[in-house]
PDB file of N, CA and C in Angstrom:
ATOM      1  N   MET A   1     104.384 126.055 100.302  1.00  0.00           N
ATOM      2  CA  MET A   1     105.081 125.237  99.550  1.00  0.00           C
ATOM      3  C   MET A   1     106.355 125.703  99.493  1.00  0.00           C
ATOM      4  N   GLY A   2     107.672 125.462  99.808  1.00  0.00           N
ATOM      5  CA  GLY A   2     109.027 126.026  99.658  1.00  0.00           C
ATOM      6  C   GLY A   2     109.616 125.512  98.233  1.00  0.00           C
ATOM      7  N   LYS A   3     110.406 125.746  97.872  1.00  0.00           N
ATOM      8  CA  LYS A   3     110.794 126.078  96.201  1.00  0.00           C
ATOM      9  C   LYS A   3     111.467 124.105  96.569  1.00  0.00           C
ATOM     10  N   THR A   4     110.961 123.362  95.582  1.00  0.00           N
ATOM     11  CA  THR A   4     111.966 121.776  95.288  1.00  0.00           C
ATOM     12  C   THR A   4     112.330 121.549  94.220  1.00  0.00           C
ATOM     13  N   ALA A   5     113.610 121.452  93.831  1.00  0.00           N
ATOM     14  CA  ALA A   5     114.236 121.504  92.633  1.00  0.00           C
ATOM     15  C   ALA A   5     115.137 119.932  92.478  1.00  0.00           C
ATOM     16  N   ALA A   6     115.320 119.405  91.495  1.00  0.00           N
ATOM     17  CA  ALA A   6     115.780 118.088  91.129  1.00  0.00           C
ATOM     18  C   ALA A   6     116.341 117.804  89.694  1.00  0.00           C
ATOM     19  N   THR A   7     117.063 116.975  89.329  1.00  0.00           N
ATOM     20  CA  THR A   7     117.227 116.933  87.851  1.00  0.00           C
ATOM     21  C   THR A   7     117.084 115.378  87.459  1.00  0.00           C
ATOM     22  N   SER A   8     116.518 115.561  85.715  1.00  0.00           N
ATOM     23  CA  SER A   8     116.543 113.875  85.588  1.00  0.00           C
ATOM     24  C   SER A   8     117.156 114.134  84.205  1.00  0.00           C
ATOM     25  N   LYS A   9     117.475 112.946  83.857  1.00  0.00           N
ATOM     26  CA  LYS A   9     117.745 112.938  82.444  1.00  0.00           C
ATOM     27  C   LYS A   9     116.961 112.373  81.019  1.00  0.00           C
ATOM     28  N   ALA A  10     116.796 113.183  80.180  1.00  0.00           N
ATOM     29  CA  ALA A  10     116.192 111.997  79.240  1.00  0.00           C
ATOM     30  C   ALA A  10     116.989 111.017  78.614  1.00  0.00           C
ATOM     31  N   SER A  11     116.016 109.848  78.022  1.00  0.00           N
ATOM     32  CA  SER A  11     116.354 108.646  77.823  1.00  0.00           C
ATOM     33  C   SER A  11     116.711 108.501  76.306  1.00  0.00           C
ATOM     34  N   ARG A  12     117.046 107.503  75.930  1.00  0.00           N
ATOM     35  CA  ARG A  12     116.908 107.299  74.229  1.00  0.00           C
ATOM     36  C   ARG A  12     115.698 107.772  73.628  1.00  0.00           C
ATOM     37  N   LYS A  13     114.508 106.707  74.313  1.00  0.00           N
ATOM     38  CA  LYS A  13     113.554 107.642  74.093  1.00  0.00           C
ATOM     39  C   LYS A  13     112.837 108.568  74.343  1.00  0.00           C
ATOM     40  N   ASN A  14     113.734 109.739  74.921  1.00  0.00           N
ATOM     41  CA  ASN A  14     113.413 110.866  75.076  1.00  0.00           C
ATOM     42  C   ASN A  14     111.829 110.918  76.049  1.00  0.00           C
ATOM     43  N   GLN A  15     112.624 109.935  77.023  1.00  0.00           N
ATOM     44  CA  GLN A  15     111.668 109.656  78.377  1.00  0.00           C
ATOM     45  C   GLN A  15     112.060 109.910  79.818  1.00  0.00           C
ATOM     46  N   THR A  16     111.584 110.244  80.871  1.00  0.00           N
ATOM     47  CA  THR A  16     112.304 111.200  81.551  1.00  0.00           C
ATOM     48  C   THR A  16     111.350 110.405  83.079  1.00  0.00           C
ATOM     49  N   THR A  17     112.414 110.336  83.821  1.00  0.00           N
ATOM     50  CA  THR A  17     111.593 109.953  85.815  1.00  0.00           C
ATOM     51  C   THR A  17     111.444 111.431  86.397  1.00  0.00           C
ATOM     52  N   ILE A  18     110.087 111.161  86.640  1.00  0.00           N
ATOM     53  CA  ILE A  18     110.122 112.692  87.699  1.00  0.00           C
ATOM     54  C   ILE A  18     110.859 112.156  89.124  1.00  0.00           C
ATOM     55  N   PRO A  19     111.660 113.454  89.534  1.00  0.00           N
ATOM     56  CA  PRO A  19     112.461 112.803  90.629  1.00  0.00           C
ATOM     57  C   PRO A  19     111.570 112.233  91.715  1.00  0.00           C
ATOM     58  N   ALA A  20     112.204 111.287  92.789  1.00  0.00           N
ATOM     59  CA  ALA A  20     111.048 111.295  94.189  1.00  0.00           C
ATOM     60  C   ALA A  20     110.672 112.569  94.646  1.00  0.00           C
ATOM     61  N   ARG A  21     111.349 113.429  95.070  1.00  0.00           N
ATOM     62  CA  ARG A  21     111.508 114.473  95.664  1.00  0.00           C
ATOM     63  C   ARG A  21     110.434 115.414  95.078  1.00  0.00           C
ATOM     64  N   VAL A  22     110.386 115.404  94.074  1.00  0.00           N
ATOM     65  CA  VAL A  22     109.234 116.212  92.834  1.00  0.00           C
ATOM     66  C   VAL A  22     107.667 115.336  93.319  1.00  0.00           C
ATOM     67  N   ARG A  23     108.148 114.496  92.961  1.00  0.00           N
ATOM     68  CA  ARG A  23     106.801 113.342  93.195  1.00  0.00           C
ATOM     69  C   ARG A  23     105.833 113.623  94.879  1.00  0.00           C
ATOM     70  N   LYS A  24     106.775 113.653  95.758  1.00  0.00           N
ATOM     71  CA  LYS A  24     106.300 113.824  96.997  1.00  0.00           C
ATOM     72  C   LYS A  24     105.505 115.221  97.359  1.00  0.00           C
ATOM     73  N   ALA A  25     106.545 116.234  96.417  1.00  0.00           N
ATOM     74  CA  ALA A  25     106.156 117.444  97.299  1.00  0.00           C
ATOM     75  C   ALA A  25     104.731 117.537  96.187  1.00  0.00           C
ATOM     76  N   LEU A  26     104.554 117.388  95.205  1.00  0.00           N
ATOM     77  CA  LEU A  26     103.606 117.386  94.104  1.00  0.00           C
ATOM     78  C   LEU A  26     102.401 116.506  94.801  1.00  0.00           C
ATOM     79  N   LYS A  27     102.854 115.124  95.299  1.00  0.00           N
ATOM     80  CA  LYS A  27     101.767 114.063  95.498  1.00  0.00           C
ATOM     81  C   LYS A  27     100.949 113.591  94.744  1.00  0.00           C
ATOM     82  N   ILE A  28     102.282 113.070  93.672  1.00  0.00           N
ATOM     83  CA  ILE A  28     102.126 112.739  92.326  1.00  0.00           C
ATOM     84  C   ILE A  28     102.023 111.207  92.773  1.00  0.00           C
ATOM     85  N   ALA A  29     100.638 110.527  92.379  1.00  0.00           N
ATOM     86  CA  ALA A  29     100.195 109.102  92.577  1.00  0.00           C
ATOM     87  C   ALA A  29     100.301 108.471  91.043  1.00  0.00           C
ATOM     88  N   LYS A  30     100.476 107.134  91.193  1.00  0.00           N
ATOM     89  CA  LYS A  30     100.511 106.331  89.975  1.00  0.00           C
ATOM     90  C   LYS A  30      98.671 106.560  89.395  1.00  0.00           C
ATOM     91  N   GLY A  31      98.407 106.775  88.020  1.00  0.00           N
ATOM     92  CA  GLY A  31      97.326 106.810  87.076  1.00  0.00           C
ATOM     93  C   GLY A  31      97.443 108.261  87.012  1.00  0.00           C
ATOM     94  N   ASP A  32      98.038 109.396  87.698  1.00  0.00           N
ATOM     95  CA  ASP A  32      97.420 110.895  87.875  1.00  0.00           C
ATOM     96  C   ASP A  32      97.823 111.431  86.585  1.00  0.00           C
ATOM     97  N   THR A  33      96.998 112.075  85.852  1.00  0.00           N
ATOM     98  CA  THR A  33      97.083 112.713  84.737  1.00  0.00           C
ATOM     99  C   THR A  33      97.994 114.223  84.891  1.00  0.00           C
ATOM    100  N   LEU A  34      99.154 115.002  84.344  1.00  0.00           N
ATOM    101  CA  LEU A  34     100.013 115.587  84.803  1.00  0.00           C
ATOM    102  C   LEU A  34      99.733 116.477  83.504  1.00  0.00           C
ATOM    103  N   LEU A  35      99.507 117.955  83.732  1.00  0.00           N
ATOM    104  CA  LEU A  35      99.154 119.113  82.283  1.00  0.00           C
ATOM    105  C   LEU A  35     100.485 119.488  82.328  1.00  0.00           C
ATOM    106  N   TRP A  36     101.560 119.625  80.921  1.00  0.00           N
ATOM    107  CA  TRP A  36     102.578 120.221  80.899  1.00  0.00           C
ATOM    108  C   TRP A  36     102.333 121.818  80.040  1.00  0.00           C
ATOM    109  N   THR A  37     102.639 122.634  80.345  1.00  0.00           N
ATOM    110  CA  THR A  37     102.537 124.069  79.700  1.00  0.00           C
ATOM    111  C   THR A  37     103.759 124.549  79.718  1.00  0.00           C
ATOM    112  N   ILE A  38     104.111 125.028  78.623  1.00  0.00           N
ATOM    113  CA  ILE A  38     105.316 125.508  77.957  1.00  0.00           C
ATOM    114  C   ILE A  38     105.083 127.069  77.615  1.00  0.00           C
ATOM    115  N   GLU A  39     105.949 127.802  78.663  1.00  0.00           N
ATOM    116  CA  GLU A  39     105.784 128.973  78.032  1.00  0.00           C
ATOM    117  C   GLU A  39     107.560 130.045  78.109  1.00  0.00           C
ATOM    118  N   GLY A  40     107.940 129.451  76.625  1.00  0.00           N
ATOM    119  CA  GLY A  40     109.394 130.168  76.444  1.00  0.00           C
ATOM    120  C   GLY A  40     110.118 128.940  76.444  1.00  0.00           C
ATOM    121  N   ASP A  41     111.041 128.949  77.173  1.00  0.00           N
ATOM    122  CA  ASP A  41     111.995 128.172  77.805  1.00  0.00           C
ATOM    123  C   ASP A  41     111.938 127.158  79.430  1.00  0.00           C
ATOM    124  N   GLU A  42     110.851 127.932  79.374  1.00  0.00           N
ATOM    125  CA  GLU A  42     110.299 127.420  80.825  1.00  0.00           C
ATOM    126  C   GLU A  42     109.073 126.279  80.925  1.00  0.00           C
ATOM    127  N   VAL A  43     109.221 125.105  81.806  1.00  0.00           N
ATOM    128  CA  VAL A  43     108.047 124.362  81.777  1.00  0.00           C
ATOM    129  C   VAL A  43     107.178 124.410  82.953  1.00  0.00           C
ATOM    130  N   SER A  44     106.383 124.416  83.183  1.00  0.00           N
ATOM    131  CA  SER A  44     104.956 123.964  84.515  1.00  0.00           C
ATOM    132  C   SER A  44     104.943 122.754  84.441  1.00  0.00           C
ATOM    133  N   ILE A  45     104.000 122.142  85.418  1.00  0.00           N
ATOM    134  CA  ILE A  45     103.178 120.506  85.372  1.00  0.00           C
ATOM    135  C   ILE A  45     102.530 121.019  86.335  1.00  0.00           C
ATOM    136  N   ARG A  46     101.316 120.641  85.985  1.00  0.00           N
ATOM    137  CA  ARG A  46     100.373 120.228  87.466  1.00  0.00           C
ATOM    138  C   ARG A  46      99.910 119.355  87.191  1.00  0.00           C
ATOM    139  N   ILE A  47      98.962 118.798  88.229  1.00  0.00           N
ATOM    140  CA  ILE A  47      98.192 117.553  88.367  1.00  0.00           C
ATOM    141  C   ILE A  47      96.473 118.325  88.338  1.00  0.00           C
ATOM    142  N   MET A  48      96.358 117.531  87.091  1.00  0.00           N
ATOM    143  CA  MET A  48      94.691 117.737  86.889  1.00  0.00           C
ATOM    144  C   MET A  48      94.175 117.048  88.129  1.00  0.00           C
ATOM    145  N   ASN A  49      92.671 117.603  88.414  1.00  0.00           N
ATOM    146  CA  ASN A  49      91.688 117.435  89.351  1.00  0.00           C
ATOM    147  C   ASN A  49      92.028 115.817  89.641  1.00  0.00           C
ATOM    148  N   LYS A  50      92.021 115.577  90.819  1.00  0.00           N
ATOM    149  CA  LYS A  50      91.613 113.918  91.020  1.00  0.00           C
ATOM    150  C   LYS A  50      90.540 114.178  91.183  1.00  0.00           C
ATOM    151  N   VAL A  51      89.886 112.758  90.524  1.00  0.00           N
ATOM    152  CA  VAL A  51      88.673 112.302  91.108  1.00  0.00           C
ATOM    153  C   VAL A  51      88.586 111.043  91.737  1.00  0.00           C
ATOM    154  N   HIS A  52      88.170 111.291  93.054  1.00  0.00           N
ATOM    155  CA  HIS A  52      88.127 109.519  93.822  1.00  0.00           C
ATOM    156  C   HIS A  52      86.400 109.125  93.672  1.00  0.00           C
ATOM    157  N   VAL A  53      86.730 108.210  93.145  1.00  0.00           N
ATOM    158  CA  VAL A  53      85.600 107.261  92.900  1.00  0.00           C
ATOM    159  C   VAL A  53      85.159 106.113  94.022  1.00  0.00           C
ATOM    160  N   ASP A  54      84.290 106.045  94.542  1.00  0.00           N
ATOM    161  CA  ASP A  54      84.557 104.927  95.776  1.00  0.00           C
ATOM    162  C   ASP A  54      83.290 103.862  95.245  1.00  0.00           C
ATOM    163  N   TRP A  55      83.861 103.444  93.883  1.00  0.00           N
ATOM    164  CA  TRP A  55      83.098 102.062  93.493  1.00  0.00           C
ATOM    165  C   TRP A  55      82.206 100.758  94.609  1.00  0.00           C
ATOM    166  N   THR A  56      82.870 100.975  95.613  1.00  0.00           N
ATOM    167  CA  THR A  56      81.775  99.814  96.483  1.00  0.00           C
ATOM    168  C   THR A  56      80.611 100.655  96.654  1.00  0.00           C
ATOM    169  N   LYS A  57      80.590 101.950  96.837  1.00  0.00           N
ATOM    170  CA  LYS A  57      79.333 102.502  97.212  1.00  0.00           C
ATOM    171  C   LYS A  57      78.280 103.193  95.711  1.00  0.00           C
ATOM    172  N   THR A  58      78.822 103.125  94.491  1.00  0.00           N
ATOM    173  CA  THR A  58      78.347 103.219  93.260  1.00  0.00           C
ATOM    174  C   THR A  58      77.611 102.049  93.070  1.00  0.00           C
ATOM    175  N   SER A  59      78.107 101.210  93.372  1.00  0.00           N
ATOM    176  CA  SER A  59      77.545  99.711  93.124  1.00  0.00           C
ATOM    177  C   SER A  59      76.246  99.437  93.955  1.00  0.00           C
ATOM    178  N   GLU A  60      76.812  99.365  94.995  1.00  0.00           N
ATOM    179  CA  GLU A  60      75.524  99.739  96.379  1.00  0.00           C
ATOM    180  C   GLU A  60      74.417 100.641  95.861  1.00  0.00           C
ATOM    181  N   MET A  61      74.678 101.959  95.683  1.00  0.00           N
ATOM    182  CA  MET A  61      73.643 102.622  95.027  1.00  0.00           C
ATOM    183  C   MET A  61      72.671 102.375  93.648  1.00  0.00           C
ATOM    184  N   SER A  62      73.631 101.721  92.798  1.00  0.00           N
ATOM    185  CA  SER A  62      73.025 101.513  91.790  1.00  0.00           C
ATOM    186  C   SER A  62      71.701  99.880  92.078  1.00  0.00           C
ATOM    187  N   LEU A  63      72.609  99.192  92.554  1.00  0.00           N
ATOM    188  CA  LEU A  63      71.331  97.803  93.351  1.00  0.00           C
ATOM    189  C   LEU A  63      70.257  98.125  94.033  1.00  0.00           C
ATOM    190  N   LEU A  64      70.431  99.711  94.606  1.00  0.00           N
ATOM    191  CA  LEU A  64      69.376 100.160  95.358  1.00  0.00           C
ATOM    192  C   LEU A  64      68.314 100.482  94.461  1.00  0.00           C
ATOM    193  N   GLU A  65      68.654 100.655  93.459  1.00  0.00           N
ATOM    194  CA  GLU A  65      67.574 101.547  92.197  1.00  0.00           C
ATOM    195  C   GLU A  65      66.647 100.474  91.988  1.00  0.00           C
ATOM    196  N   TRP A  66      67.441  99.563  91.581  1.00  0.00           N
ATOM    197  CA  TRP A  66      67.007  98.415  91.170  1.00  0.00           C
ATOM    198  C   TRP A  66      65.390  97.575  92.125  1.00  0.00           C
ATOM    199  N   ASN A  67      64.492  97.512  91.658  1.00  0.00           N
ATOM    200  CA  ASN A  67      63.707  97.258  92.369  1.00  0.00           C
ATOM    201  C   ASN A  67      63.107  95.741  92.053  1.00  0.00           C
ATOM    202  N   SER A  68      63.110  94.479  92.394  1.00  0.00           N
ATOM    203  CA  SER A  68      62.788  93.264  91.630  1.00  0.00           C
ATOM    204  C   SER A  68      61.383  93.461  91.836  1.00  0.00           C
ATOM    205  N   GLU A  69      60.660  93.813  92.682  1.00  0.00           N
ATOM    206  CA  GLU A  69      59.280  93.351  92.982  1.00  0.00           C
ATOM    207  C   GLU A  69      58.441  94.095  91.729  1.00  0.00           C
ATOM    208  N   GLU A  70      59.203  95.800  91.555  1.00  0.00           N
ATOM    209  CA  GLU A  70      57.924  95.958  90.366  1.00  0.00           C
ATOM    210  C   GLU A  70      58.864  95.163  88.792  1.00  0.00           C
ATOM    211  N   GLU A  71      59.606  94.778  88.952  1.00  0.00           N
ATOM    212  CA  GLU A  71      60.054  94.234  87.640  1.00  0.00           C
ATOM    213  C   GLU A  71      59.272  93.014  87.408  1.00  0.00           C
ATOM    214  N   GLU A  72      59.188  92.318  88.496  1.00  0.00           N
ATOM    215  CA  GLU A  72      58.335  90.768  88.817  1.00  0.00           C
ATOM    216  C   GLU A  72      56.839  91.707  88.712  1.00  0.00           C
ATOM    217  N   GLY A  73      56.058  92.625  88.951  1.00  0.00           N
ATOM    218  CA  GLY A  73      54.982  92.923  88.603  1.00  0.00           C
ATOM    219  C   GLY A  73      54.643  93.169  87.081  1.00  0.00           C
ATOM    220  N   THR A  74      55.626  93.793  86.594  1.00  0.00           N
ATOM    221  CA  THR A  74      55.166  93.982  84.916  1.00  0.00           C
ATOM    222  C   THR A  74      55.680  92.639  83.961  1.00  0.00           C
ATOM    223  N   ASP A  75      56.451  91.557  84.464  1.00  0.00           N
ATOM    224  CA  ASP A  75      56.560  90.187  84.097  1.00  0.00           C
ATOM    225  C   ASP A  75      55.432  89.372  84.054  1.00  0.00           C
ATOM    226  N   ALA A  76      54.442  89.615  85.545  1.00  0.00           N
ATOM    227  CA  ALA A  76      53.357  88.744  85.769  1.00  0.00           C
ATOM    228  C   ALA A  76      51.986  88.952  84.752  1.00  0.00           C
ATOM    229  N   GLY A  77      52.371  90.661  83.943  1.00  0.00           N
ATOM    230  CA  GLY A  77      50.905  90.245  83.302  1.00  0.00           C
ATOM    231  C   GLY A  77      51.335  89.742  81.567  1.00  0.00           C
ATOM    232  N   LEU A  78      52.395  89.132  81.120  1.00  0.00           N
ATOM    233  CA  LEU A  78      52.790  88.365  80.290  1.00  0.00           C
ATOM    234  C   LEU A  78      52.364  87.133  80.030  1.00  0.00           C
TER     235      LEU A  78
END
């Protein structure tokens, strides 16, 4: 990846917006966690490992683990 640079200003609340070209170059998406590292007067930003969870597959697996026949068999003895 080549060098990308951009500027932004701090607001009254010391907030800033990550410039679009930086977000694009780093592929930063909504909800990403950024790690800010300070060394002297320089700051580096890294995107923490992204974990992509397919919740539809997770719920399918949970339903497959549940066996209603076993549950019915244990209740039948009561």
